[in-house]
Amino acid sequence: MPATVTLFVYGTLKRGCRNHGTIREAEFVGEAATESAYMLVNCGSYPGLVRAPNGQAGSSIRGELYRVNERWLAALDRFENVPVEYVRKTIRLSNGNEAETYFYALPVAGLEVCGEEWIE
């Protein structure tokens, strides 16, 4: 059986959002939130997750957890343009557990902070 990874998604891959079809066959684990150390920035038609800069208050970002195998993870890495636009790293959730997620890797200067949850 292939190894699986728990993946936290917070934007267009969530249920009801336009790119959910990319992940819909993965096992939905449930809704989740991060610890209060992050920000969502508005990249136009999609969000980017970043760690809150030193001295700036972070938020608990709401999203969803999925269990994905290595093959799906490789396909999602391509979809998310890793490592150019996003990088996949470990994030700590509000319950103390960890998951993988996609952090926005491009400069965020001038991008609007868009709250704790991306809604389409």
PDB file of N, CA and C in Angstrom:
ATOM      1  N   MET A   1       0.850  -1.188   0.000  1.00  0.00           N
ATOM      2  CA  MET A   1       0.000   0.000   0.000  1.00  0.00           C
ATOM      3  C   MET A   1       0.890   1.244   0.000  1.00  0.00           C
ATOM      4  N   PRO A   2       0.612   2.200  -0.900  1.00  0.00           N
ATOM      5  CA  PRO A   2       1.452   3.404  -0.967  1.00  0.00           C
ATOM      6  C   PRO A   2       1.324   4.241   0.306  1.00  0.00           C
ATOM      7  N   ALA A   3       2.399   4.922   0.638  1.00  0.00           N
ATOM      8  CA  ALA A   3       2.391   5.820   1.790  1.00  0.00           C
ATOM      9  C   ALA A   3       1.431   6.980   1.520  1.00  0.00           C
ATOM     10  N   THR A   4       0.808   7.473   2.577  1.00  0.00           N
ATOM     11  CA  THR A   4      -0.100   8.610   2.428  1.00  0.00           C
ATOM     12  C   THR A   4       0.387   9.784   3.261  1.00  0.00           C
ATOM     13  N   VAL A   5      -0.060  10.955   2.866  1.00  0.00           N
ATOM     14  CA  VAL A   5       0.265  12.206   3.534  1.00  0.00           C
ATOM     15  C   VAL A   5      -1.044  12.905   3.852  1.00  0.00           C
ATOM     16  N   THR A   6      -1.122  13.538   5.012  1.00  0.00           N
ATOM     17  CA  THR A   6      -2.278  14.374   5.326  1.00  0.00           C
ATOM     18  C   THR A   6      -1.973  15.770   4.802  1.00  0.00           C
ATOM     19  N   LEU A   7      -2.856  16.267   3.948  1.00  0.00           N
ATOM     20  CA  LEU A   7      -2.655  17.550   3.271  1.00  0.00           C
ATOM     21  C   LEU A   7      -3.723  18.538   3.713  1.00  0.00           C
ATOM     22  N   PHE A   8      -3.299  19.733   4.128  1.00  0.00           N
ATOM     23  CA  PHE A   8      -4.197  20.823   4.492  1.00  0.00           C
ATOM     24  C   PHE A   8      -4.365  21.721   3.271  1.00  0.00           C
ATOM     25  N   VAL A   9      -5.615  21.899   2.825  1.00  0.00           N
ATOM     26  CA  VAL A   9      -5.890  22.802   1.705  1.00  0.00           C
ATOM     27  C   VAL A   9      -6.766  23.943   2.203  1.00  0.00           C
ATOM     28  N   TYR A  10      -6.578  25.128   1.651  1.00  0.00           N
ATOM     29  CA  TYR A  10      -7.216  26.327   2.180  1.00  0.00           C
ATOM     30  C   TYR A  10      -7.809  27.228   1.108  1.00  0.00           C
ATOM     31  N   GLY A  11      -7.698  26.837  -0.155  1.00  0.00           N
ATOM     32  CA  GLY A  11      -8.146  27.727  -1.230  1.00  0.00           C
ATOM     33  C   GLY A  11      -9.032  27.024  -2.230  1.00  0.00           C
ATOM     34  N   THR A  12      -8.659  27.112  -3.490  1.00  0.00           N
ATOM     35  CA  THR A  12      -9.506  26.641  -4.583  1.00  0.00           C
ATOM     36  C   THR A  12      -9.636  25.125  -4.656  1.00  0.00           C
ATOM     37  N   LEU A  13      -8.872  24.377  -3.844  1.00  0.00           N
ATOM     38  CA  LEU A  13      -9.004  22.916  -3.811  1.00  0.00           C
ATOM     39  C   LEU A  13     -10.095  22.456  -2.833  1.00  0.00           C
ATOM     40  N   LYS A  14     -10.609  23.349  -2.001  1.00  0.00           N
ATOM     41  CA  LYS A  14     -11.626  22.968  -1.025  1.00  0.00           C
ATOM     42  C   LYS A  14     -12.927  22.565  -1.724  1.00  0.00           C
ATOM     43  N   ARG A  15     -13.745  21.801  -1.008  1.00  0.00           N
ATOM     44  CA  ARG A  15     -15.069  21.420  -1.507  1.00  0.00           C
ATOM     45  C   ARG A  15     -15.861  22.668  -1.874  1.00  0.00           C
ATOM     46  N   GLY A  16     -16.533  22.628  -3.006  1.00  0.00           N
ATOM     47  CA  GLY A  16     -17.334  23.756  -3.448  1.00  0.00           C
ATOM     48  C   GLY A  16     -16.554  24.808  -4.211  1.00  0.00           C
ATOM     49  N   CYS A  17     -15.258  24.675  -4.289  1.00  0.00           N
ATOM     50  CA  CYS A  17     -14.431  25.643  -5.016  1.00  0.00           C
ATOM     51  C   CYS A  17     -14.049  25.082  -6.391  1.00  0.00           C
ATOM     52  N   ARG A  18     -13.643  25.956  -7.283  1.00  0.00           N
ATOM     53  CA  ARG A  18     -13.492  25.607  -8.699  1.00  0.00           C
ATOM     54  C   ARG A  18     -12.448  24.543  -9.023  1.00  0.00           C
ATOM     55  N   ASN A  19     -11.432  24.361  -8.197  1.00  0.00           N
ATOM     56  CA  ASN A  19     -10.403  23.356  -8.476  1.00  0.00           C
ATOM     57  C   ASN A  19     -10.531  22.100  -7.606  1.00  0.00           C
ATOM     58  N   HIS A  20     -11.673  21.948  -6.932  1.00  0.00           N
ATOM     59  CA  HIS A  20     -11.856  20.778  -6.073  1.00  0.00           C
ATOM     60  C   HIS A  20     -11.757  19.468  -6.857  1.00  0.00           C
ATOM     61  N   GLY A  21     -12.122  19.486  -8.119  1.00  0.00           N
ATOM     62  CA  GLY A  21     -12.032  18.282  -8.942  1.00  0.00           C
ATOM     63  C   GLY A  21     -10.635  17.699  -8.977  1.00  0.00           C
ATOM     64  N   THR A  22      -9.633  18.531  -8.766  1.00  0.00           N
ATOM     65  CA  THR A  22      -8.237  18.094  -8.757  1.00  0.00           C
ATOM     66  C   THR A  22      -7.953  17.145  -7.596  1.00  0.00           C
ATOM     67  N   ILE A  23      -8.712  17.265  -6.512  1.00  0.00           N
ATOM     68  CA  ILE A  23      -8.439  16.489  -5.294  1.00  0.00           C
ATOM     69  C   ILE A  23      -9.646  15.657  -4.841  1.00  0.00           C
ATOM     70  N   ARG A  24     -10.762  15.725  -5.553  1.00  0.00           N
ATOM     71  CA  ARG A  24     -12.004  15.119  -5.062  1.00  0.00           C
ATOM     72  C   ARG A  24     -11.933  13.612  -4.833  1.00  0.00           C
ATOM     73  N   GLU A  25     -11.023  12.913  -5.498  1.00  0.00           N
ATOM     74  CA  GLU A  25     -10.908  11.471  -5.284  1.00  0.00           C
ATOM     75  C   GLU A  25     -10.051  11.127  -4.070  1.00  0.00           C
ATOM     76  N   ALA A  26      -9.399  12.120  -3.497  1.00  0.00           N
ATOM     77  CA  ALA A  26      -8.620  11.887  -2.279  1.00  0.00           C
ATOM     78  C   ALA A  26      -9.581  11.702  -1.107  1.00  0.00           C
ATOM     79  N   GLU A  27      -9.108  11.064  -0.053  1.00  0.00           N
ATOM     80  CA  GLU A  27      -9.947  10.838   1.125  1.00  0.00           C
ATOM     81  C   GLU A  27     -10.081  12.120   1.942  1.00  0.00           C
ATOM     82  N   PHE A  28     -11.323  12.611   2.069  1.00  0.00           N
ATOM     83  CA  PHE A  28     -11.606  13.785   2.890  1.00  0.00           C
ATOM     84  C   PHE A  28     -11.528  13.367   4.350  1.00  0.00           C
ATOM     85  N   VAL A  29     -10.688  14.038   5.133  1.00  0.00           N
ATOM     86  CA  VAL A  29     -10.515  13.716   6.545  1.00  0.00           C
ATOM     87  C   VAL A  29     -11.414  14.589   7.404  1.00  0.00           C
ATOM     88  N   GLY A  30     -11.535  15.877   7.051  1.00  0.00           N
ATOM     89  CA  GLY A  30     -12.386  16.781   7.814  1.00  0.00           C
ATOM     90  C   GLY A  30     -11.924  18.218   7.695  1.00  0.00           C
ATOM     91  N   GLU A  31     -12.681  19.090   8.315  1.00  0.00           N
ATOM     92  CA  GLU A  31     -12.310  20.502   8.365  1.00  0.00           C
ATOM     93  C   GLU A  31     -11.263  20.684   9.443  1.00  0.00           C
ATOM     94  N   ALA A  32     -10.441  21.712   9.270  1.00  0.00           N
ATOM     95  CA  ALA A  32      -9.353  21.946  10.217  1.00  0.00           C
ATOM     96  C   ALA A  32      -8.977  23.421  10.197  1.00  0.00           C
ATOM     97  N   ALA A  33      -8.165  23.805  11.152  1.00  0.00           N
ATOM     98  CA  ALA A  33      -7.627  25.163  11.218  1.00  0.00           C
ATOM     99  C   ALA A  33      -6.173  25.078  11.652  1.00  0.00           C
ATOM    100  N   THR A  34      -5.402  26.070  11.241  1.00  0.00           N
ATOM    101  CA  THR A  34      -3.991  26.127  11.620  1.00  0.00           C
ATOM    102  C   THR A  34      -3.853  26.790  12.982  1.00  0.00           C
ATOM    103  N   GLU A  35      -2.658  26.687  13.554  1.00  0.00           N
ATOM    104  CA  GLU A  35      -2.365  27.518  14.720  1.00  0.00           C
ATOM    105  C   GLU A  35      -2.377  28.973  14.259  1.00  0.00           C
ATOM    106  N   SER A  36      -2.406  29.906  15.188  1.00  0.00           N
ATOM    107  CA  SER A  36      -2.521  31.333  14.853  1.00  0.00           C
ATOM    108  C   SER A  36      -1.171  31.944  14.521  1.00  0.00           C
ATOM    109  N   ALA A  37      -0.608  31.573  13.377  1.00  0.00           N
ATOM    110  CA  ALA A  37       0.716  32.066  13.010  1.00  0.00           C
ATOM    111  C   ALA A  37       0.811  32.413  11.530  1.00  0.00           C
ATOM    112  N   TYR A  38      -0.317  32.454  10.824  1.00  0.00           N
ATOM    113  CA  TYR A  38      -0.284  32.539   9.367  1.00  0.00           C
ATOM    114  C   TYR A  38      -1.195  33.642   8.842  1.00  0.00           C
ATOM    115  N   MET A  39      -1.068  33.906   7.545  1.00  0.00           N
ATOM    116  CA  MET A  39      -1.923  34.867   6.854  1.00  0.00           C
ATOM    117  C   MET A  39      -2.257  34.301   5.476  1.00  0.00           C
ATOM    118  N   LEU A  40      -3.455  34.628   4.994  1.00  0.00           N
ATOM    119  CA  LEU A  40      -3.826  34.352   3.612  1.00  0.00           C
ATOM    120  C   LEU A  40      -3.717  35.657   2.855  1.00  0.00           C
ATOM    121  N   VAL A  41      -3.028  35.636   1.719  1.00  0.00           N
ATOM    122  CA  VAL A  41      -2.951  36.818   0.867  1.00  0.00           C
ATOM    123  C   VAL A  41      -3.719  36.538  -0.418  1.00  0.00           C
ATOM    124  N   ASN A  42      -4.314  37.586  -0.951  1.00  0.00           N
ATOM    125  CA  ASN A  42      -5.113  37.480  -2.162  1.00  0.00           C
ATOM    126  C   ASN A  42      -4.190  37.626  -3.366  1.00  0.00           C
ATOM    127  N   CYS A  43      -4.036  36.533  -4.112  1.00  0.00           N
ATOM    128  CA  CYS A  43      -3.165  36.516  -5.291  1.00  0.00           C
ATOM    129  C   CYS A  43      -3.963  36.768  -6.569  1.00  0.00           C
ATOM    130  N   GLY A  44      -5.150  37.319  -6.442  1.00  0.00           N
ATOM    131  CA  GLY A  44      -6.013  37.559  -7.591  1.00  0.00           C
ATOM    132  C   GLY A  44      -7.204  36.634  -7.524  1.00  0.00           C
ATOM    133  N   SER A  45      -7.133  35.520  -8.230  1.00  0.00           N
ATOM    134  CA  SER A  45      -8.256  34.580  -8.237  1.00  0.00           C
ATOM    135  C   SER A  45      -8.031  33.392  -7.309  1.00  0.00           C
ATOM    136  N   TYR A  46      -7.014  33.450  -6.474  1.00  0.00           N
ATOM    137  CA  TYR A  46      -6.706  32.364  -5.546  1.00  0.00           C
ATOM    138  C   TYR A  46      -5.890  32.925  -4.385  1.00  0.00           C
ATOM    139  N   PRO A  47      -5.858  32.201  -3.253  1.00  0.00           N
ATOM    140  CA  PRO A  47      -5.102  32.696  -2.105  1.00  0.00           C
ATOM    141  C   PRO A  47      -3.706  32.089  -2.035  1.00  0.00           C
ATOM    142  N   GLY A  48      -2.871  32.718  -1.232  1.00  0.00           N
ATOM    143  CA  GLY A  48      -1.564  32.181  -0.895  1.00  0.00           C
ATOM    144  C   GLY A  48      -1.410  32.201   0.613  1.00  0.00           C
ATOM    145  N   LEU A  49      -0.901  31.136   1.171  1.00  0.00           N
ATOM    146  CA  LEU A  49      -0.674  31.034   2.606  1.00  0.00           C
ATOM    147  C   LEU A  49       0.772  31.399   2.900  1.00  0.00           C
ATOM    148  N   VAL A  50       0.976  32.278   3.877  1.00  0.00           N
ATOM    149  CA  VAL A  50       2.322  32.663   4.303  1.00  0.00           C
ATOM    150  C   VAL A  50       2.359  32.697   5.828  1.00  0.00           C
ATOM    151  N   ARG A  51       3.547  32.536   6.357  1.00  0.00           N
ATOM    152  CA  ARG A  51       3.724  32.705   7.806  1.00  0.00           C
ATOM    153  C   ARG A  51       3.688  34.204   8.085  1.00  0.00           C
ATOM    154  N   ALA A  52       2.995  34.605   9.147  1.00  0.00           N
ATOM    155  CA  ALA A  52       2.931  36.013   9.516  1.00  0.00           C
ATOM    156  C   ALA A  52       4.336  36.513   9.827  1.00  0.00           C
ATOM    157  N   PRO A  53       4.708  37.686   9.306  1.00  0.00           N
ATOM    158  CA  PRO A  53       6.050  38.225   9.572  1.00  0.00           C
ATOM    159  C   PRO A  53       6.256  38.497  11.065  1.00  0.00           C
ATOM    160  N   ASN A  54       7.512  38.484  11.496  1.00  0.00           N
ATOM    161  CA  ASN A  54       7.832  38.806  12.891  1.00  0.00           C
ATOM    162  C   ASN A  54       7.223  40.141  13.261  1.00  0.00           C
ATOM    163  N   GLY A  55       6.612  40.194  14.433  1.00  0.00           N
ATOM    164  CA  GLY A  55       6.018  41.420  14.913  1.00  0.00           C
ATOM    165  C   GLY A  55       4.606  41.649  14.413  1.00  0.00           C
ATOM    166  N   GLN A  56       4.107  40.786  13.553  1.00  0.00           N
ATOM    167  CA  GLN A  56       2.751  40.936  13.034  1.00  0.00           C
ATOM    168  C   GLN A  56       1.911  39.756  13.519  1.00  0.00           C
ATOM    169  N   ALA A  57       0.694  40.056  13.990  1.00  0.00           N
ATOM    170  CA  ALA A  57      -0.181  38.995  14.492  1.00  0.00           C
ATOM    171  C   ALA A  57      -0.618  38.079  13.356  1.00  0.00           C
ATOM    172  N   GLY A  58      -0.573  36.803  13.600  1.00  0.00           N
ATOM    173  CA  GLY A  58      -1.048  35.835  12.626  1.00  0.00           C
ATOM    174  C   GLY A  58      -2.470  35.422  12.927  1.00  0.00           C
ATOM    175  N   SER A  59      -3.047  34.674  12.016  1.00  0.00           N
ATOM    176  CA  SER A  59      -4.412  34.184  12.163  1.00  0.00           C
ATOM    177  C   SER A  59      -4.423  32.672  12.096  1.00  0.00           C
ATOM    178  N   SER A  60      -5.509  32.100  12.576  1.00  0.00           N
ATOM    179  CA  SER A  60      -5.778  30.680  12.410  1.00  0.00           C
ATOM    180  C   SER A  60      -6.549  30.540  11.100  1.00  0.00           C
ATOM    181  N   ILE A  61      -5.951  29.891  10.117  1.00  0.00           N
ATOM    182  CA  ILE A  61      -6.533  29.769   8.783  1.00  0.00           C
ATOM    183  C   ILE A  61      -7.399  28.514   8.734  1.00  0.00           C
ATOM    184  N   ARG A  62      -8.615  28.648   8.227  1.00  0.00           N
ATOM    185  CA  ARG A  62      -9.540  27.517   8.128  1.00  0.00           C
ATOM    186  C   ARG A  62      -9.421  26.846   6.768  1.00  0.00           C
ATOM    187  N   GLY A  63      -9.453  25.511   6.784  1.00  0.00           N
ATOM    188  CA  GLY A  63      -9.366  24.756   5.544  1.00  0.00           C
ATOM    189  C   GLY A  63      -9.853  23.336   5.749  1.00  0.00           C
ATOM    190  N   GLU A  64      -9.346  22.445   4.914  1.00  0.00           N
ATOM    191  CA  GLU A  64      -9.762  21.046   4.936  1.00  0.00           C
ATOM    192  C   GLU A  64      -8.550  20.130   4.880  1.00  0.00           C
ATOM    193  N   LEU A  65      -8.714  18.940   5.455  1.00  0.00           N
ATOM    194  CA  LEU A  65      -7.657  17.937   5.431  1.00  0.00           C
ATOM    195  C   LEU A  65      -8.049  16.791   4.505  1.00  0.00           C
ATOM    196  N   TYR A  66      -7.056  16.325   3.732  1.00  0.00           N
ATOM    197  CA  TYR A  66      -7.233  15.185   2.839  1.00  0.00           C
ATOM    198  C   TYR A  66      -6.072  14.232   3.035  1.00  0.00           C
ATOM    199  N   ARG A  67      -6.333  12.956   2.849  1.00  0.00           N
ATOM    200  CA  ARG A  67      -5.274  11.953   2.861  1.00  0.00           C
ATOM    201  C   ARG A  67      -4.977  11.633   1.399  1.00  0.00           C
ATOM    202  N   VAL A  68      -3.734  11.874   0.980  1.00  0.00           N
ATOM    203  CA  VAL A  68      -3.346  11.665  -0.417  1.00  0.00           C
ATOM    204  C   VAL A  68      -2.123  10.757  -0.479  1.00  0.00           C
ATOM    205  N   ASN A  69      -2.059   9.948  -1.530  1.00  0.00           N
ATOM    206  CA  ASN A  69      -0.887   9.090  -1.697  1.00  0.00           C
ATOM    207  C   ASN A  69       0.199   9.860  -2.456  1.00  0.00           C
ATOM    208  N   GLU A  70       1.358   9.252  -2.580  1.00  0.00           N
ATOM    209  CA  GLU A  70       2.506   9.935  -3.188  1.00  0.00           C
ATOM    210  C   GLU A  70       2.250  10.307  -4.647  1.00  0.00           C
ATOM    211  N   ARG A  71       1.505   9.464  -5.369  1.00  0.00           N
ATOM    212  CA  ARG A  71       1.203   9.767  -6.772  1.00  0.00           C
ATOM    213  C   ARG A  71       0.333  11.024  -6.880  1.00  0.00           C
ATOM    214  N   TRP A  72      -0.706  11.100  -6.040  1.00  0.00           N
ATOM    215  CA  TRP A  72      -1.557  12.289  -6.040  1.00  0.00           C
ATOM    216  C   TRP A  72      -0.774  13.514  -5.595  1.00  0.00           C
ATOM    217  N   LEU A  73       0.101  13.342  -4.613  1.00  0.00           N
ATOM    218  CA  LEU A  73       0.890  14.467  -4.117  1.00  0.00           C
ATOM    219  C   LEU A  73       1.788  15.016  -5.219  1.00  0.00           C
ATOM    220  N   ALA A  74       2.388  14.148  -6.001  1.00  0.00           N
ATOM    221  CA  ALA A  74       3.228  14.604  -7.121  1.00  0.00           C
ATOM    222  C   ALA A  74       2.388  15.382  -8.135  1.00  0.00           C
ATOM    223  N   ALA A  75       1.173  14.916  -8.420  1.00  0.00           N
ATOM    224  CA  ALA A  75       0.294  15.624  -9.353  1.00  0.00           C
ATOM    225  C   ALA A  75      -0.115  16.978  -8.779  1.00  0.00           C
ATOM    226  N   LEU A  76      -0.398  17.037  -7.482  1.00  0.00           N
ATOM    227  CA  LEU A  76      -0.755  18.308  -6.848  1.00  0.00           C
ATOM    228  C   LEU A  76       0.424  19.265  -6.827  1.00  0.00           C
ATOM    229  N   ASP A  77       1.641  18.752  -6.618  1.00  0.00           N
ATOM    230  CA  ASP A  77       2.838  19.602  -6.678  1.00  0.00           C
ATOM    231  C   ASP A  77       2.940  20.268  -8.051  1.00  0.00           C
ATOM    232  N   ARG A  78       2.672  19.510  -9.108  1.00  0.00           N
ATOM    233  CA  ARG A  78       2.697  20.101 -10.456  1.00  0.00           C
ATOM    234  C   ARG A  78       1.587  21.137 -10.603  1.00  0.00           C
ATOM    235  N   PHE A  79       0.385  20.817 -10.139  1.00  0.00           N
ATOM    236  CA  PHE A  79      -0.750  21.736 -10.216  1.00  0.00           C
ATOM    237  C   PHE A  79      -0.445  23.045  -9.493  1.00  0.00           C
ATOM    238  N   GLU A  80       0.214  22.957  -8.342  1.00  0.00           N
ATOM    239  CA  GLU A  80       0.525  24.140  -7.529  1.00  0.00           C
ATOM    240  C   GLU A  80       1.832  24.824  -7.944  1.00  0.00           C
ATOM    241  N   ASN A  81       2.454  24.327  -9.001  1.00  0.00           N
ATOM    242  CA  ASN A  81       3.676  24.920  -9.546  1.00  0.00           C
ATOM    243  C   ASN A  81       4.805  24.971  -8.512  1.00  0.00           C
ATOM    244  N   VAL A  82       4.994  23.840  -7.818  1.00  0.00           N
ATOM    245  CA  VAL A  82       6.092  23.686  -6.852  1.00  0.00           C
ATOM    246  C   VAL A  82       7.382  23.448  -7.638  1.00  0.00           C
ATOM    247  N   PRO A  83       8.474  24.091  -7.345  1.00  0.00           N
ATOM    248  CA  PRO A  83       8.743  25.020  -6.251  1.00  0.00           C
ATOM    249  C   PRO A  83       8.726  26.483  -6.672  1.00  0.00           C
ATOM    250  N   VAL A  84       8.175  26.807  -7.816  1.00  0.00           N
ATOM    251  CA  VAL A  84       8.213  28.189  -8.315  1.00  0.00           C
ATOM    252  C   VAL A  84       7.227  29.093  -7.581  1.00  0.00           C
ATOM    253  N   GLU A  85       5.939  28.735  -7.614  1.00  0.00           N
ATOM    254  CA  GLU A  85       4.926  29.593  -7.000  1.00  0.00           C
ATOM    255  C   GLU A  85       4.587  29.177  -5.569  1.00  0.00           C
ATOM    256  N   TYR A  86       4.653  27.894  -5.302  1.00  0.00           N
ATOM    257  CA  TYR A  86       4.369  27.359  -3.971  1.00  0.00           C
ATOM    258  C   TYR A  86       5.471  26.395  -3.562  1.00  0.00           C
ATOM    259  N   VAL A  87       5.621  26.217  -2.248  1.00  0.00           N
ATOM    260  CA  VAL A  87       6.489  25.180  -1.700  1.00  0.00           C
ATOM    261  C   VAL A  87       5.648  24.381  -0.711  1.00  0.00           C
ATOM    262  N   ARG A  88       5.842  23.079  -0.720  1.00  0.00           N
ATOM    263  CA  ARG A  88       5.092  22.223   0.197  1.00  0.00           C
ATOM    264  C   ARG A  88       5.923  22.005   1.448  1.00  0.00           C
ATOM    265  N   LYS A  89       5.331  22.343   2.599  1.00  0.00           N
ATOM    266  CA  LYS A  89       6.012  22.211   3.886  1.00  0.00           C
ATOM    267  C   LYS A  89       5.009  21.751   4.940  1.00  0.00           C
ATOM    268  N   THR A  90       5.541  21.427   6.089  1.00  0.00           N
ATOM    269  CA  THR A  90       4.719  21.028   7.226  1.00  0.00           C
ATOM    270  C   THR A  90       4.146  22.262   7.907  1.00  0.00           C
ATOM    271  N   ILE A  91       2.892  22.142   8.325  1.00  0.00           N
ATOM    272  CA  ILE A  91       2.217  23.215   9.060  1.00  0.00           C
ATOM    273  C   ILE A  91       1.641  22.623  10.341  1.00  0.00           C
ATOM    274  N   ARG A  92       1.571  23.419  11.388  1.00  0.00           N
ATOM    275  CA  ARG A  92       0.984  22.956  12.653  1.00  0.00           C
ATOM    276  C   ARG A  92      -0.481  23.416  12.704  1.00  0.00           C
ATOM    277  N   LEU A  93      -1.334  22.463  13.048  1.00  0.00           N
ATOM    278  CA  LEU A  93      -2.762  22.742  13.140  1.00  0.00           C
ATOM    279  C   LEU A  93      -3.133  23.198  14.545  1.00  0.00           C
ATOM    280  N   SER A  94      -4.323  23.759  14.687  1.00  0.00           N
ATOM    281  CA  SER A  94      -4.756  24.292  15.984  1.00  0.00           C
ATOM    282  C   SER A  94      -4.860  23.216  17.057  1.00  0.00           C
ATOM    283  N   ASN A  95      -5.050  21.950  16.665  1.00  0.00           N
ATOM    284  CA  ASN A  95      -5.131  20.868  17.646  1.00  0.00           C
ATOM    285  C   ASN A  95      -3.761  20.280  17.985  1.00  0.00           C
ATOM    286  N   GLY A  96      -2.688  20.861  17.448  1.00  0.00           N
ATOM    287  CA  GLY A  96      -1.332  20.401  17.730  1.00  0.00           C
ATOM    288  C   GLY A  96      -0.799  19.389  16.724  1.00  0.00           C
ATOM    289  N   ASN A  97      -1.669  18.819  15.893  1.00  0.00           N
ATOM    290  CA  ASN A  97      -1.219  17.891  14.853  1.00  0.00           C
ATOM    291  C   ASN A  97      -0.521  18.655  13.736  1.00  0.00           C
ATOM    292  N   GLU A  98       0.155  17.920  12.869  1.00  0.00           N
ATOM    293  CA  GLU A  98       0.817  18.528  11.726  1.00  0.00           C
ATOM    294  C   GLU A  98       0.259  17.947  10.437  1.00  0.00           C
ATOM    295  N   ALA A  99       0.381  18.710   9.369  1.00  0.00           N
ATOM    296  CA  ALA A  99      -0.024  18.275   8.033  1.00  0.00           C
ATOM    297  C   ALA A  99       0.898  18.962   7.040  1.00  0.00           C
ATOM    298  N   GLU A 100       0.879  18.495   5.819  1.00  0.00           N
ATOM    299  CA  GLU A 100       1.584  19.182   4.737  1.00  0.00           C
ATOM    300  C   GLU A 100       0.646  20.234   4.160  1.00  0.00           C
ATOM    301  N   THR A 101       1.191  21.312   3.623  1.00  0.00           N
ATOM    302  CA  THR A 101       0.389  22.317   2.932  1.00  0.00           C
ATOM    303  C   THR A 101       1.258  23.035   1.921  1.00  0.00           C
ATOM    304  N   TYR A 102       0.632  23.872   1.127  1.00  0.00           N
ATOM    305  CA  TYR A 102       1.347  24.652   0.124  1.00  0.00           C
ATOM    306  C   TYR A 102       1.451  26.102   0.589  1.00  0.00           C
ATOM    307  N   PHE A 103       2.687  26.533   0.824  1.00  0.00           N
ATOM    308  CA  PHE A 103       2.969  27.922   1.180  1.00  0.00           C
ATOM    309  C   PHE A 103       3.281  28.703  -0.090  1.00  0.00           C
ATOM    310  N   TYR A 104       2.778  29.923  -0.164  1.00  0.00           N
ATOM    311  CA  TYR A 104       3.044  30.800  -1.295  1.00  0.00           C
ATOM    312  C   TYR A 104       4.504  31.213  -1.257  1.00  0.00           C
ATOM    313  N   ALA A 105       5.205  31.098  -2.389  1.00  0.00           N
ATOM    314  CA  ALA A 105       6.658  31.314  -2.414  1.00  0.00           C
ATOM    315  C   ALA A 105       7.076  32.609  -3.099  1.00  0.00           C
ATOM    316  N   LEU A 106       6.141  33.327  -3.688  1.00  0.00           N
ATOM    317  CA  LEU A 106       6.483  34.565  -4.393  1.00  0.00           C
ATOM    318  C   LEU A 106       6.360  35.758  -3.448  1.00  0.00           C
ATOM    319  N   PRO A 107       6.918  36.922  -3.811  1.00  0.00           N
ATOM    320  CA  PRO A 107       6.814  38.095  -2.940  1.00  0.00           C
ATOM    321  C   PRO A 107       5.353  38.489  -2.682  1.00  0.00           C
ATOM    322  N   VAL A 108       5.081  38.911  -1.458  1.00  0.00           N
ATOM    323  CA  VAL A 108       3.708  39.259  -1.083  1.00  0.00           C
ATOM    324  C   VAL A 108       3.513  40.760  -0.874  1.00  0.00           C
ATOM    325  N   ALA A 109       4.568  41.552  -1.041  1.00  0.00           N
ATOM    326  CA  ALA A 109       4.438  43.003  -0.872  1.00  0.00           C
ATOM    327  C   ALA A 109       3.346  43.523  -1.800  1.00  0.00           C
ATOM    328  N   GLY A 110       2.424  44.274  -1.227  1.00  0.00           N
ATOM    329  CA  GLY A 110       1.346  44.857  -2.009  1.00  0.00           C
ATOM    330  C   GLY A 110       0.119  43.964  -2.145  1.00  0.00           C
ATOM    331  N   LEU A 111       0.199  42.704  -1.714  1.00  0.00           N
ATOM    332  CA  LEU A 111      -0.970  41.820  -1.787  1.00  0.00           C
ATOM    333  C   LEU A 111      -1.843  42.026  -0.550  1.00  0.00           C
ATOM    334  N   GLU A 112      -3.141  42.019  -0.757  1.00  0.00           N
ATOM    335  CA  GLU A 112      -4.103  42.206   0.314  1.00  0.00           C
ATOM    336  C   GLU A 112      -4.211  40.949   1.175  1.00  0.00           C
ATOM    337  N   VAL A 113      -4.266  41.148   2.493  1.00  0.00           N
ATOM    338  CA  VAL A 113      -4.535  40.034   3.402  1.00  0.00           C
ATOM    339  C   VAL A 113      -6.038  39.782   3.344  1.00  0.00           C
ATOM    340  N   CYS A 114      -6.425  38.528   3.183  1.00  0.00           N
ATOM    341  CA  CYS A 114      -7.852  38.250   2.913  1.00  0.00           C
ATOM    342  C   CYS A 114      -8.552  37.459   3.996  1.00  0.00           C
ATOM    343  N   GLY A 115      -8.150  37.598   5.236  1.00  0.00           N
ATOM    344  CA  GLY A 115      -8.886  36.989   6.332  1.00  0.00           C
ATOM    345  C   GLY A 115      -8.450  35.566   6.633  1.00  0.00           C
ATOM    346  N   GLU A 116      -9.309  34.873   7.376  1.00  0.00           N
ATOM    347  CA  GLU A 116      -8.975  33.545   7.888  1.00  0.00           C
ATOM    348  C   GLU A 116      -9.499  32.413   7.023  1.00  0.00           C
ATOM    349  N   GLU A 117     -10.320  32.722   6.018  1.00  0.00           N
ATOM    350  CA  GLU A 117     -10.882  31.660   5.187  1.00  0.00           C
ATOM    351  C   GLU A 117     -11.126  32.184   3.780  1.00  0.00           C
ATOM    352  N   TRP A 118     -10.695  31.395   2.789  1.00  0.00           N
ATOM    353  CA  TRP A 118     -10.926  31.737   1.378  1.00  0.00           C
ATOM    354  C   TRP A 118     -12.310  31.226   0.987  1.00  0.00           C
ATOM    355  N   ILE A 119     -13.123  32.142   0.463  1.00  0.00           N
ATOM    356  CA  ILE A 119     -14.474  31.778   0.032  1.00  0.00           C
ATOM    357  C   ILE A 119     -14.630  32.226  -1.411  1.00  0.00           C
ATOM    358  N   GLU A 120     -15.096  31.285  -2.254  1.00  0.00           N
ATOM    359  CA  GLU A 120     -15.365  31.628  -3.660  1.00  0.00           C
ATOM    360  C   GLU A 120     -16.838  31.872  -3.849  1.00  0.00           C
TER     361      GLU A 120
END
